[in-house]
Amino acid sequence: MFSQQPAWRIIAEAGRLVSTKQLIDGSAGGNIMQPSNVRLAVVFLPLLITACGQREVSFERDINPILQNNCAVCHSSGRPGYIKSGFSVATYQDVMKGTRYGRVIIPGSSISSTLVRLINHQADPSINMPKEYTSIEQKHSHYILPGSNARWLSKHDRDLITKWIDQGAKDN
């Protein structure tokens, strides 16, 4: 069955799926290097990989929008979260630099990354992220007052951040 085979062990040949073993031992028939077979592999292999959840998470496409929509209000230069911790989400480099206390992302290891523990509310409740906040306008000034309670990112967003870190937290 399709779901029982890893994506790297399946290739499209002449409109049917054939396992790598069949291609190696010749039981699939035909020459795998025929131009029509190579074209099918070029077209279908990326689709199979994507369909099996192997798509690489992109910082610019996937992660930065989450950070900008949920974290930048407090973790940008001059904002309360930045003043308190030194952590900014303004750029990839800032995110990777971490806080004045140390890195929050360990590329390749979401388990070791403080950011994942904070967004999954696995830390002290006083530092879980992102915080609820109040926005106040006074005399042409805008103030952000972080609350004491954390709110939850969606499971999808938390999973994307975790996957991105496990994939090496690349600037892509």
Protein backbone atom coordinates (compact mmCIF):
# COMPACT_ATOMS: atom_id res chain seq x y z
CA MET A 1 0.00 0.00 0.00
CA PHE A 2 1.21 3.55 -0.78
CA SER A 3 1.24 4.81 2.81
CA GLN A 4 3.38 1.87 3.96
CA GLN A 5 6.27 2.73 1.60
CA PRO A 6 8.63 5.64 2.37
CA ALA A 7 8.65 8.27 -0.39
CA TRP A 8 12.31 7.67 -1.23
CA ARG A 9 11.54 4.01 -2.06
CA ILE A 10 8.87 4.82 -4.63
CA ILE A 11 9.29 6.19 -8.15
CA ALA A 12 6.84 6.76 -10.99
CA GLU A 13 7.50 4.69 -14.12
CA ALA A 14 5.18 4.68 -17.14
CA GLY A 15 2.14 5.68 -15.11
CA ARG A 16 2.54 3.09 -12.33
CA LEU A 17 4.40 3.06 -9.03
CA VAL A 18 7.38 0.75 -8.81
CA SER A 19 9.55 0.06 -5.76
CA THR A 20 13.29 0.68 -5.86
CA LYS A 21 13.90 -3.06 -5.38
CA GLN A 22 11.97 -3.83 -8.58
CA LEU A 23 14.01 -1.25 -10.48
CA ILE A 24 17.29 -2.65 -9.19
CA ASP A 25 16.57 -6.32 -9.83
CA GLY A 26 14.91 -5.61 -13.19
CA SER A 27 11.55 -7.14 -12.27
CA ALA A 28 9.83 -3.84 -13.11
CA GLY A 29 10.67 -4.37 -16.77
CA GLY A 30 12.00 -1.78 -19.20
CA ASN A 31 14.94 0.52 -18.89
CA ILE A 32 14.59 3.04 -16.07
CA MET A 33 16.91 5.44 -17.89
CA GLN A 34 14.62 5.79 -20.92
CA PRO A 35 13.88 9.50 -21.45
CA SER A 36 10.15 9.02 -20.83
CA ASN A 37 10.85 7.36 -17.46
CA VAL A 38 13.33 10.03 -16.42
CA ARG A 39 10.79 12.74 -17.28
CA LEU A 40 8.14 10.98 -15.20
CA ALA A 41 10.53 10.68 -12.26
CA VAL A 42 11.41 14.38 -12.50
CA VAL A 43 7.72 15.30 -12.48
CA PHE A 44 6.37 12.85 -9.92
CA LEU A 45 9.14 12.45 -7.35
CA PRO A 46 8.83 16.03 -5.97
CA LEU A 47 5.06 15.56 -5.82
CA LEU A 48 5.46 12.31 -3.88
CA ILE A 49 7.90 13.90 -1.46
CA THR A 50 5.62 16.89 -0.91
CA ALA A 51 2.58 14.65 -0.49
CA CYS A 52 4.44 12.65 2.16
CA GLY A 53 5.12 15.76 4.27
CA GLN A 54 8.78 16.14 3.35
CA ARG A 55 8.48 19.79 2.17
CA GLU A 56 11.20 21.98 3.61
CA VAL A 57 9.89 24.74 5.84
CA SER A 58 11.03 28.18 4.70
CA PHE A 59 11.95 30.98 7.10
CA GLU A 60 10.68 33.70 4.76
CA ARG A 61 7.53 31.92 3.55
CA ASP A 62 6.46 30.08 6.72
CA ILE A 63 8.24 31.22 9.90
CA ASN A 64 8.79 34.96 9.54
CA PRO A 65 5.06 35.71 9.04
CA ILE A 66 4.29 33.82 12.28
CA LEU A 67 6.96 35.78 14.16
CA GLN A 68 5.88 39.13 12.70
CA ASN A 69 2.18 38.52 13.39
CA ASN A 70 2.61 37.17 16.92
CA CYS A 71 5.94 38.33 18.36
CA ALA A 72 7.12 41.55 16.71
CA VAL A 73 4.69 43.72 18.67
CA CYS A 74 6.80 43.04 21.79
CA HIS A 75 10.08 41.69 20.42
CA SER A 76 11.24 44.57 18.18
CA SER A 77 13.73 47.28 19.02
CA GLY A 78 12.42 49.53 21.79
CA ARG A 79 9.46 47.27 22.61
CA PRO A 80 8.88 45.69 26.05
CA GLY A 81 9.95 42.13 25.18
CA TYR A 82 13.11 43.36 23.51
CA ILE A 83 13.96 45.69 26.41
CA LYS A 84 13.48 42.91 28.96
CA SER A 85 15.21 40.03 27.13
CA GLY A 86 17.18 41.49 24.23
CA PHE A 87 15.29 39.17 21.84
CA SER A 88 14.23 40.63 18.51
CA VAL A 89 12.36 39.01 15.63
CA ALA A 90 13.20 41.82 13.19
CA THR A 91 15.52 39.65 11.07
CA TYR A 92 16.62 36.03 10.74
CA GLN A 93 19.99 37.03 12.24
CA ASP A 94 18.28 38.59 15.27
CA VAL A 95 16.16 35.48 15.82
CA MET A 96 19.22 33.22 15.63
CA LYS A 97 21.22 35.49 17.96
CA GLY A 98 18.69 34.85 20.72
CA THR A 99 18.40 36.80 23.96
CA ARG A 100 20.97 38.44 26.20
CA TYR A 101 20.80 35.19 28.20
CA GLY A 102 21.60 32.91 25.26
CA ARG A 103 20.30 31.28 22.11
CA VAL A 104 16.64 30.29 21.88
CA ILE A 105 17.03 28.15 18.76
CA ILE A 106 19.38 25.19 18.44
CA PRO A 107 19.35 24.30 14.71
CA GLY A 108 18.43 20.65 14.22
CA SER A 109 17.07 20.20 17.76
CA SER A 110 13.64 21.53 18.63
CA ILE A 111 13.85 19.59 21.90
CA SER A 112 16.86 21.68 22.95
CA SER A 113 15.38 24.96 21.71
CA THR A 114 14.01 27.30 24.35
CA LEU A 115 11.67 28.92 21.82
CA VAL A 116 9.79 25.64 21.34
CA ARG A 117 9.41 25.18 25.11
CA LEU A 118 8.09 28.76 25.42
CA ILE A 119 5.50 28.52 22.62
CA ASN A 120 4.37 25.08 23.82
CA HIS A 121 3.92 26.50 27.35
CA GLN A 122 6.40 24.03 28.84
CA ALA A 123 8.30 26.68 30.79
CA ASP A 124 7.45 28.71 33.86
CA PRO A 125 4.03 30.29 33.19
CA SER A 126 5.51 33.77 33.71
CA ILE A 127 7.72 33.40 30.61
CA ASN A 128 5.55 31.32 28.24
CA MET A 129 4.98 33.02 24.87
CA PRO A 130 3.41 34.79 23.14
CA LYS A 131 2.01 37.12 25.77
CA GLU A 132 -1.38 38.72 25.67
CA TYR A 133 -0.90 42.48 25.47
CA THR A 134 -2.72 45.77 25.62
CA SER A 135 -2.12 48.49 23.07
CA ILE A 136 -2.62 52.10 24.28
CA GLU A 137 -2.60 55.33 22.25
CA GLN A 138 -1.78 58.47 24.25
CA LYS A 139 -0.77 61.91 22.95
CA HIS A 140 0.45 60.66 19.59
CA SER A 141 2.37 57.82 21.25
CA HIS A 142 1.70 54.12 21.05
CA TYR A 143 2.41 51.91 24.07
CA ILE A 144 2.41 48.13 24.35
CA LEU A 145 1.76 46.67 27.78
CA PRO A 146 2.46 42.92 27.93
CA GLY A 147 0.02 40.95 30.05
CA SER A 148 0.89 38.29 32.57
CA ASN A 149 -0.91 35.52 30.64
CA ALA A 150 0.37 33.75 27.57
CA ARG A 151 -1.85 32.91 24.64
CA TRP A 152 -1.47 29.90 22.36
CA LEU A 153 -0.17 29.93 18.83
CA SER A 154 -2.16 27.57 16.63
CA LYS A 155 -0.98 23.97 16.59
CA HIS A 156 -0.15 24.43 12.90
CA ASP A 157 2.15 27.40 13.66
CA ARG A 158 3.83 25.59 16.58
CA ASP A 159 4.37 22.52 14.41
CA LEU A 160 5.86 24.64 11.60
CA ILE A 161 8.33 26.30 13.97
CA THR A 162 9.29 22.91 15.43
CA LYS A 163 9.75 21.38 11.97
CA TRP A 164 11.79 24.38 10.77
CA ILE A 165 14.15 24.06 13.73
CA ASP A 166 14.46 20.27 13.26
CA GLN A 167 15.29 20.87 9.59
CA GLY A 168 18.21 23.07 10.65
CA ALA A 169 16.54 26.50 11.11
CA LYS A 170 17.83 27.65 7.72
CA ASP A 171 17.62 31.19 6.35
CA ASN A 172 15.62 30.19 3.28
